[in-house]
Amino acid sequence: MSEYNGWTNKETWLVNLWLGDDFVALSEEGQIITEAFIRETVDELCETETKSVEGRFLMDLLNCALGEINYFELAQHYAPEERGE
């Protein structure tokens, strides 16, 4: 299953790379890091970051990449029992 630096794919790894520390901090504050929470966080970030994008080509590419993210794998990684809590 692990194909990119211990993750399913590069897209999933990138979410962990860029947002992993935030997910850990939020988890320590009591936020339950679920698939839905991660997906919503990623979607909101992408929407914010792409507001200035005029071309739909880039958005289409981004949407393809978002479809490859393994949100379940990320949520399992941040489950309290996985982190020894």
PDB file of N, CA and C in Angstrom:
ATOM      1  N   MET A   1       0.818  -1.198   0.000  1.00  0.00           N
ATOM      2  CA  MET A   1       0.000   0.000   0.000  1.00  0.00           C
ATOM      3  C   MET A   1       0.862   1.262   0.000  1.00  0.00           C
ATOM      4  N   SER A   2       1.973   1.267   0.705  1.00  0.00           N
ATOM      5  CA  SER A   2       2.833   2.441   0.784  1.00  0.00           C
ATOM      6  C   SER A   2       3.674   2.552  -0.471  1.00  0.00           C
ATOM      7  N   GLU A   3       3.492   3.657  -1.176  1.00  0.00           N
ATOM      8  CA  GLU A   3       4.209   3.849  -2.422  1.00  0.00           C
ATOM      9  C   GLU A   3       5.040   5.125  -2.464  1.00  0.00           C
ATOM     10  N   TYR A   4       4.809   6.060  -1.546  1.00  0.00           N
ATOM     11  CA  TYR A   4       5.555   7.307  -1.582  1.00  0.00           C
ATOM     12  C   TYR A   4       5.920   7.730  -0.163  1.00  0.00           C
ATOM     13  N   ASN A   5       7.178   7.591   0.193  1.00  0.00           N
ATOM     14  CA  ASN A   5       7.668   7.965   1.524  1.00  0.00           C
ATOM     15  C   ASN A   5       6.795   7.409   2.650  1.00  0.00           C
ATOM     16  N   GLY A   6       6.312   6.187   2.480  1.00  0.00           N
ATOM     17  CA  GLY A   6       5.504   5.544   3.505  1.00  0.00           C
ATOM     18  C   GLY A   6       4.018   5.838   3.414  1.00  0.00           C
ATOM     19  N   TRP A   7       3.609   6.580   2.404  1.00  0.00           N
ATOM     20  CA  TRP A   7       2.199   6.933   2.214  1.00  0.00           C
ATOM     21  C   TRP A   7       1.686   6.321   0.912  1.00  0.00           C
ATOM     22  N   THR A   8       0.369   6.278   0.758  1.00  0.00           N
ATOM     23  CA  THR A   8      -0.255   5.696  -0.421  1.00  0.00           C
ATOM     24  C   THR A   8       0.258   6.312  -1.713  1.00  0.00           C
ATOM     25  N   ASN A   9       0.384   7.639  -1.726  1.00  0.00           N
ATOM     26  CA  ASN A   9       0.802   8.349  -2.938  1.00  0.00           C
ATOM     27  C   ASN A   9       1.361   9.720  -2.554  1.00  0.00           C
ATOM     28  N   LYS A  10       1.853  10.413  -3.542  1.00  0.00           N
ATOM     29  CA  LYS A  10       2.476  11.719  -3.298  1.00  0.00           C
ATOM     30  C   LYS A  10       1.464  12.732  -2.791  1.00  0.00           C
ATOM     31  N   GLU A  11       0.252  12.694  -3.291  1.00  0.00           N
ATOM     32  CA  GLU A  11      -0.771  13.657  -2.879  1.00  0.00           C
ATOM     33  C   GLU A  11      -1.065  13.536  -1.382  1.00  0.00           C
ATOM     34  N   THR A  12      -1.192  12.293  -0.916  1.00  0.00           N
ATOM     35  CA  THR A  12      -1.453  12.052   0.509  1.00  0.00           C
ATOM     36  C   THR A  12      -0.256  12.493   1.345  1.00  0.00           C
ATOM     37  N   TRP A  13       0.931  12.164   0.884  1.00  0.00           N
ATOM     38  CA  TRP A  13       2.156  12.567   1.570  1.00  0.00           C
ATOM     39  C   TRP A  13       2.244  14.088   1.678  1.00  0.00           C
ATOM     40  N   LEU A  14       1.888  14.800   0.597  1.00  0.00           N
ATOM     41  CA  LEU A  14       1.956  16.261   0.616  1.00  0.00           C
ATOM     42  C   LEU A  14       1.006  16.870   1.639  1.00  0.00           C
ATOM     43  N   VAL A  15      -0.193  16.303   1.763  1.00  0.00           N
ATOM     44  CA  VAL A  15      -1.122  16.802   2.776  1.00  0.00           C
ATOM     45  C   VAL A  15      -0.491  16.636   4.154  1.00  0.00           C
ATOM     46  N   ASN A  16       0.081  15.475   4.414  1.00  0.00           N
ATOM     47  CA  ASN A  16       0.727  15.255   5.700  1.00  0.00           C
ATOM     48  C   ASN A  16       1.919  16.192   5.887  1.00  0.00           C
ATOM     49  N   LEU A  17       2.709  16.378   4.848  1.00  0.00           N
ATOM     50  CA  LEU A  17       3.883  17.245   4.928  1.00  0.00           C
ATOM     51  C   LEU A  17       3.493  18.673   5.297  1.00  0.00           C
ATOM     52  N   TRP A  18       2.496  19.202   4.610  1.00  0.00           N
ATOM     53  CA  TRP A  18       2.118  20.603   4.797  1.00  0.00           C
ATOM     54  C   TRP A  18       1.201  20.833   5.997  1.00  0.00           C
ATOM     55  N   LEU A  19       0.359  19.871   6.330  1.00  0.00           N
ATOM     56  CA  LEU A  19      -0.647  20.096   7.370  1.00  0.00           C
ATOM     57  C   LEU A  19      -0.485  19.210   8.597  1.00  0.00           C
ATOM     58  N   GLY A  20       0.450  18.268   8.557  1.00  0.00           N
ATOM     59  CA  GLY A  20       0.603  17.319   9.646  1.00  0.00           C
ATOM     60  C   GLY A  20       0.825  17.949  11.006  1.00  0.00           C
ATOM     61  N   ASP A  21       1.692  18.934  11.084  1.00  0.00           N
ATOM     62  CA  ASP A  21       1.944  19.592  12.377  1.00  0.00           C
ATOM     63  C   ASP A  21       0.677  20.268  12.901  1.00  0.00           C
ATOM     64  N   ASP A  22      -0.098  20.856  12.006  1.00  0.00           N
ATOM     65  CA  ASP A  22      -1.363  21.479  12.417  1.00  0.00           C
ATOM     66  C   ASP A  22      -2.334  20.440  12.948  1.00  0.00           C
ATOM     67  N   PHE A  23      -2.408  19.282  12.272  1.00  0.00           N
ATOM     68  CA  PHE A  23      -3.308  18.225  12.729  1.00  0.00           C
ATOM     69  C   PHE A  23      -2.896  17.698  14.097  1.00  0.00           C
ATOM     70  N   VAL A  24      -1.605  17.569  14.331  1.00  0.00           N
ATOM     71  CA  VAL A  24      -1.127  17.113  15.641  1.00  0.00           C
ATOM     72  C   VAL A  24      -1.518  18.122  16.713  1.00  0.00           C
ATOM     73  N   ALA A  25      -1.269  19.407  16.451  1.00  0.00           N
ATOM     74  CA  ALA A  25      -1.596  20.451  17.426  1.00  0.00           C
ATOM     75  C   ALA A  25      -3.092  20.495  17.700  1.00  0.00           C
ATOM     76  N   LEU A  26      -3.900  20.421  16.654  1.00  0.00           N
ATOM     77  CA  LEU A  26      -5.348  20.424  16.840  1.00  0.00           C
ATOM     78  C   LEU A  26      -5.813  19.201  17.616  1.00  0.00           C
ATOM     79  N   SER A  27      -5.211  18.066  17.339  1.00  0.00           N
ATOM     80  CA  SER A  27      -5.553  16.839  18.052  1.00  0.00           C
ATOM     81  C   SER A  27      -5.223  16.970  19.535  1.00  0.00           C
ATOM     82  N   GLU A  28      -4.092  17.563  19.832  1.00  0.00           N
ATOM     83  CA  GLU A  28      -3.697  17.762  21.223  1.00  0.00           C
ATOM     84  C   GLU A  28      -4.627  18.727  21.943  1.00  0.00           C
ATOM     85  N   GLU A  29      -5.290  19.598  21.173  1.00  0.00           N
ATOM     86  CA  GLU A  29      -6.263  20.538  21.744  1.00  0.00           C
ATOM     87  C   GLU A  29      -7.653  19.923  21.856  1.00  0.00           C
ATOM     88  N   GLY A  30      -7.790  18.662  21.408  1.00  0.00           N
ATOM     89  CA  GLY A  30      -9.076  17.982  21.538  1.00  0.00           C
ATOM     90  C   GLY A  30      -9.848  17.789  20.243  1.00  0.00           C
ATOM     91  N   GLN A  31      -9.364  18.351  19.141  1.00  0.00           N
ATOM     92  CA  GLN A  31     -10.038  18.174  17.853  1.00  0.00           C
ATOM     93  C   GLN A  31      -9.857  16.724  17.401  1.00  0.00           C
ATOM     94  N   ILE A  32     -10.951  16.083  17.011  1.00  0.00           N
ATOM     95  CA  ILE A  32     -10.859  14.739  16.460  1.00  0.00           C
ATOM     96  C   ILE A  32     -10.574  14.886  14.964  1.00  0.00           C
ATOM     97  N   ILE A  33      -9.475  14.311  14.524  1.00  0.00           N
ATOM     98  CA  ILE A  33      -9.025  14.442  13.143  1.00  0.00           C
ATOM     99  C   ILE A  33      -9.625  13.296  12.327  1.00  0.00           C
ATOM    100  N   THR A  34     -10.730  13.578  11.667  1.00  0.00           N
ATOM    101  CA  THR A  34     -11.441  12.574  10.872  1.00  0.00           C
ATOM    102  C   THR A  34     -11.161  12.796   9.389  1.00  0.00           C
ATOM    103  N   GLU A  35     -11.594  11.837   8.587  1.00  0.00           N
ATOM    104  CA  GLU A  35     -11.483  12.003   7.134  1.00  0.00           C
ATOM    105  C   GLU A  35     -12.200  13.275   6.695  1.00  0.00           C
ATOM    106  N   ALA A  36     -13.402  13.471   7.203  1.00  0.00           N
ATOM    107  CA  ALA A  36     -14.200  14.646   6.815  1.00  0.00           C
ATOM    108  C   ALA A  36     -13.500  15.942   7.220  1.00  0.00           C
ATOM    109  N   PHE A  37     -12.911  15.964   8.406  1.00  0.00           N
ATOM    110  CA  PHE A  37     -12.211  17.154   8.870  1.00  0.00           C
ATOM    111  C   PHE A  37     -11.016  17.461   7.970  1.00  0.00           C
ATOM    112  N   ILE A  38     -10.252  16.433   7.634  1.00  0.00           N
ATOM    113  CA  ILE A  38      -9.080  16.628   6.769  1.00  0.00           C
ATOM    114  C   ILE A  38      -9.518  17.102   5.394  1.00  0.00           C
ATOM    115  N   ARG A  39     -10.536  16.463   4.831  1.00  0.00           N
ATOM    116  CA  ARG A  39     -11.035  16.854   3.505  1.00  0.00           C
ATOM    117  C   ARG A  39     -11.498  18.310   3.515  1.00  0.00           C
ATOM    118  N   GLU A  40     -12.252  18.691   4.535  1.00  0.00           N
ATOM    119  CA  GLU A  40     -12.743  20.066   4.640  1.00  0.00           C
ATOM    120  C   GLU A  40     -11.588  21.055   4.765  1.00  0.00           C
ATOM    121  N   THR A  41     -10.596  20.712   5.568  1.00  0.00           N
ATOM    122  CA  THR A  41      -9.425  21.560   5.746  1.00  0.00           C
ATOM    123  C   THR A  41      -8.685  21.751   4.423  1.00  0.00           C
ATOM    124  N   VAL A  42      -8.472  20.656   3.702  1.00  0.00           N
ATOM    125  CA  VAL A  42      -7.773  20.711   2.415  1.00  0.00           C
ATOM    126  C   VAL A  42      -8.590  21.515   1.408  1.00  0.00           C
ATOM    127  N   ASP A  43      -9.896  21.250   1.343  1.00  0.00           N
ATOM    128  CA  ASP A  43     -10.753  21.977   0.401  1.00  0.00           C
ATOM    129  C   ASP A  43     -10.746  23.480   0.679  1.00  0.00           C
ATOM    130  N   GLU A  44     -10.864  23.859   1.942  1.00  0.00           N
ATOM    131  CA  GLU A  44     -10.859  25.279   2.304  1.00  0.00           C
ATOM    132  C   GLU A  44      -9.529  25.938   1.955  1.00  0.00           C
ATOM    133  N   LEU A  45      -8.440  25.244   2.243  1.00  0.00           N
ATOM    134  CA  LEU A  45      -7.119  25.782   1.923  1.00  0.00           C
ATOM    135  C   LEU A  45      -6.960  25.964   0.417  1.00  0.00           C
ATOM    136  N   CYS A  46      -7.380  24.979  -0.343  1.00  0.00           N
ATOM    137  CA  CYS A  46      -7.274  25.074  -1.806  1.00  0.00           C
ATOM    138  C   CYS A  46      -8.138  26.210  -2.351  1.00  0.00           C
ATOM    139  N   GLU A  47      -9.323  26.350  -1.788  1.00  0.00           N
ATOM    140  CA  GLU A  47     -10.204  27.434  -2.240  1.00  0.00           C
ATOM    141  C   GLU A  47      -9.576  28.794  -1.956  1.00  0.00           C
ATOM    142  N   THR A  48      -9.012  28.952  -0.777  1.00  0.00           N
ATOM    143  CA  THR A  48      -8.364  30.205  -0.399  1.00  0.00           C
ATOM    144  C   THR A  48      -7.160  30.494  -1.286  1.00  0.00           C
ATOM    145  N   GLU A  49      -6.333  29.485  -1.499  1.00  0.00           N
ATOM    146  CA  GLU A  49      -5.097  29.652  -2.253  1.00  0.00           C
ATOM    147  C   GLU A  49      -5.321  29.865  -3.754  1.00  0.00           C
ATOM    148  N   THR A  50      -6.458  29.453  -4.270  1.00  0.00           N
ATOM    149  CA  THR A  50      -6.676  29.535  -5.715  1.00  0.00           C
ATOM    150  C   THR A  50      -7.651  30.642  -6.121  1.00  0.00           C
ATOM    151  N   LYS A  51      -8.039  31.497  -5.190  1.00  0.00           N
ATOM    152  CA  LYS A  51      -8.985  32.568  -5.531  1.00  0.00           C
ATOM    153  C   LYS A  51      -8.462  33.465  -6.646  1.00  0.00           C
ATOM    154  N   SER A  52      -7.152  33.616  -6.740  1.00  0.00           N
ATOM    155  CA  SER A  52      -6.587  34.491  -7.756  1.00  0.00           C
ATOM    156  C   SER A  52      -6.320  33.774  -9.082  1.00  0.00           C
ATOM    157  N   VAL A  53      -6.598  32.477  -9.140  1.00  0.00           N
ATOM    158  CA  VAL A  53      -6.352  31.719 -10.366  1.00  0.00           C
ATOM    159  C   VAL A  53      -7.461  32.017 -11.359  1.00  0.00           C
ATOM    160  N   GLU A  54      -7.071  32.508 -12.523  1.00  0.00           N
ATOM    161  CA  GLU A  54      -8.065  32.856 -13.534  1.00  0.00           C
ATOM    162  C   GLU A  54      -8.367  31.687 -14.464  1.00  0.00           C
ATOM    163  N   GLY A  55      -7.392  30.865 -14.743  1.00  0.00           N
ATOM    164  CA  GLY A  55      -7.587  29.771 -15.683  1.00  0.00           C
ATOM    165  C   GLY A  55      -8.163  28.540 -15.030  1.00  0.00           C
ATOM    166  N   ARG A  56      -9.056  27.880 -15.712  1.00  0.00           N
ATOM    167  CA  ARG A  56      -9.667  26.668 -15.193  1.00  0.00           C
ATOM    168  C   ARG A  56      -8.747  25.463 -15.356  1.00  0.00           C
ATOM    169  N   PHE A  57      -7.733  25.549 -16.217  1.00  0.00           N
ATOM    170  CA  PHE A  57      -6.817  24.431 -16.418  1.00  0.00           C
ATOM    171  C   PHE A  57      -6.150  24.039 -15.105  1.00  0.00           C
ATOM    172  N   LEU A  58      -5.620  25.028 -14.389  1.00  0.00           N
ATOM    173  CA  LEU A  58      -4.966  24.759 -13.121  1.00  0.00           C
ATOM    174  C   LEU A  58      -5.948  24.164 -12.118  1.00  0.00           C
ATOM    175  N   MET A  59      -7.162  24.679 -12.114  1.00  0.00           N
ATOM    176  CA  MET A  59      -8.170  24.146 -11.204  1.00  0.00           C
ATOM    177  C   MET A  59      -8.503  22.697 -11.539  1.00  0.00           C
ATOM    178  N   ASP A  60      -8.582  22.373 -12.813  1.00  0.00           N
ATOM    179  CA  ASP A  60      -8.845  20.991 -13.213  1.00  0.00           C
ATOM    180  C   ASP A  60      -7.724  20.074 -12.744  1.00  0.00           C
ATOM    181  N   LEU A  61      -6.478  20.507 -12.903  1.00  0.00           N
ATOM    182  CA  LEU A  61      -5.348  19.708 -12.431  1.00  0.00           C
ATOM    183  C   LEU A  61      -5.402  19.525 -10.912  1.00  0.00           C
ATOM    184  N   LEU A  62      -5.712  20.603 -10.218  1.00  0.00           N
ATOM    185  CA  LEU A  62      -5.803  20.539  -8.766  1.00  0.00           C
ATOM    186  C   LEU A  62      -6.893  19.565  -8.333  1.00  0.00           C
ATOM    187  N   ASN A  63      -8.027  19.631  -8.980  1.00  0.00           N
ATOM    188  CA  ASN A  63      -9.121  18.727  -8.639  1.00  0.00           C
ATOM    189  C   ASN A  63      -8.747  17.271  -8.874  1.00  0.00           C
ATOM    190  N   CYS A  64      -7.981  17.002  -9.904  1.00  0.00           N
ATOM    191  CA  CYS A  64      -7.504  15.629 -10.144  1.00  0.00           C
ATOM    192  C   CYS A  64      -6.616  15.170  -8.993  1.00  0.00           C
ATOM    193  N   ALA A  65      -5.712  16.041  -8.567  1.00  0.00           N
ATOM    194  CA  ALA A  65      -4.813  15.698  -7.472  1.00  0.00           C
ATOM    195  C   ALA A  65      -5.589  15.480  -6.176  1.00  0.00           C
ATOM    196  N   LEU A  66      -6.587  16.319  -5.914  1.00  0.00           N
ATOM    197  CA  LEU A  66      -7.378  16.178  -4.695  1.00  0.00           C
ATOM    198  C   LEU A  66      -8.089  14.827  -4.654  1.00  0.00           C
ATOM    199  N   GLY A  67      -8.467  14.328  -5.815  1.00  0.00           N
ATOM    200  CA  GLY A  67      -9.136  13.039  -5.886  1.00  0.00           C
ATOM    201  C   GLY A  67      -8.231  11.872  -5.544  1.00  0.00           C
ATOM    202  N   GLU A  68      -6.945  12.095  -5.519  1.00  0.00           N
ATOM    203  CA  GLU A  68      -5.990  11.025  -5.223  1.00  0.00           C
ATOM    204  C   GLU A  68      -5.632  10.936  -3.742  1.00  0.00           C
ATOM    205  N   ILE A  69      -5.996  11.929  -2.962  1.00  0.00           N
ATOM    206  CA  ILE A  69      -5.623  11.945  -1.543  1.00  0.00           C
ATOM    207  C   ILE A  69      -6.366  10.844  -0.795  1.00  0.00           C
ATOM    208  N   ASN A  70      -5.635  10.089  -0.001  1.00  0.00           N
ATOM    209  CA  ASN A  70      -6.211   9.018   0.807  1.00  0.00           C
ATOM    210  C   ASN A  70      -6.527   9.602   2.189  1.00  0.00           C
ATOM    211  N   TYR A  71      -7.720  10.194   2.307  1.00  0.00           N
ATOM    212  CA  TYR A  71      -8.117  10.841   3.553  1.00  0.00           C
ATOM    213  C   TYR A  71      -8.245   9.833   4.694  1.00  0.00           C
ATOM    214  N   PHE A  72      -8.668   8.622   4.382  1.00  0.00           N
ATOM    215  CA  PHE A  72      -8.780   7.576   5.400  1.00  0.00           C
ATOM    216  C   PHE A  72      -7.413   7.289   6.019  1.00  0.00           C
ATOM    217  N   GLU A  73      -6.398   7.148   5.179  1.00  0.00           N
ATOM    218  CA  GLU A  73      -5.053   6.875   5.677  1.00  0.00           C
ATOM    219  C   GLU A  73      -4.570   8.005   6.584  1.00  0.00           C
ATOM    220  N   LEU A  74      -4.806   9.238   6.169  1.00  0.00           N
ATOM    221  CA  LEU A  74      -4.399  10.378   6.987  1.00  0.00           C
ATOM    222  C   LEU A  74      -5.138  10.386   8.322  1.00  0.00           C
ATOM    223  N   ALA A  75      -6.449  10.150   8.297  1.00  0.00           N
ATOM    224  CA  ALA A  75      -7.226  10.142   9.535  1.00  0.00           C
ATOM    225  C   ALA A  75      -6.744   9.046  10.472  1.00  0.00           C
ATOM    226  N   GLN A  76      -6.427   7.887   9.935  1.00  0.00           N
ATOM    227  CA  GLN A  76      -5.915   6.796  10.760  1.00  0.00           C
ATOM    228  C   GLN A  76      -4.577   7.176  11.392  1.00  0.00           C
ATOM    229  N   HIS A  77      -3.753   7.888  10.644  1.00  0.00           N
ATOM    230  CA  HIS A  77      -2.444   8.317  11.147  1.00  0.00           C
ATOM    231  C   HIS A  77      -2.585   9.237  12.358  1.00  0.00           C
ATOM    232  N   TYR A  78      -3.638  10.049  12.382  1.00  0.00           N
ATOM    233  CA  TYR A  78      -3.830  11.013  13.467  1.00  0.00           C
ATOM    234  C   TYR A  78      -4.807  10.533  14.532  1.00  0.00           C
ATOM    235  N   ALA A  79      -5.252   9.286  14.437  1.00  0.00           N
ATOM    236  CA  ALA A  79      -6.121   8.728  15.470  1.00  0.00           C
ATOM    237  C   ALA A  79      -5.332   8.649  16.778  1.00  0.00           C
ATOM    238  N   PRO A  80      -5.970   8.977  17.898  1.00  0.00           N
ATOM    239  CA  PRO A  80      -5.250   8.980  19.169  1.00  0.00           C
ATOM    240  C   PRO A  80      -4.526   7.676  19.474  1.00  0.00           C
ATOM    241  N   GLU A  81      -5.136   6.538  19.137  1.00  0.00           N
ATOM    242  CA  GLU A  81      -4.494   5.259  19.442  1.00  0.00           C
ATOM    243  C   GLU A  81      -3.234   5.042  18.605  1.00  0.00           C
ATOM    244  N   GLU A  82      -3.172   5.640  17.416  1.00  0.00           N
ATOM    245  CA  GLU A  82      -1.988   5.534  16.567  1.00  0.00           C
ATOM    246  C   GLU A  82      -0.837   6.361  17.131  1.00  0.00           C
ATOM    247  N   ARG A  83      -1.187   7.420  17.847  1.00  0.00           N
ATOM    248  CA  ARG A  83      -0.167   8.302  18.413  1.00  0.00           C
ATOM    249  C   ARG A  83       0.156   7.941  19.849  1.00  0.00           C
ATOM    250  N   GLY A  84      -0.384   6.806  20.316  1.00  0.00           N
ATOM    251  CA  GLY A  84      -0.060   6.317  21.651  1.00  0.00           C
ATOM    252  C   GLY A  84      -0.811   7.014  22.761  1.00  0.00           C
ATOM    253  N   GLU A  85      -1.958   7.581  22.445  1.00  0.00           N
ATOM    254  CA  GLU A  85      -2.753   8.276  23.486  1.00  0.00           C
ATOM    255  C   GLU A  85      -3.850   7.378  23.996  1.00  0.00           C
TER     256      GLU A  85
END
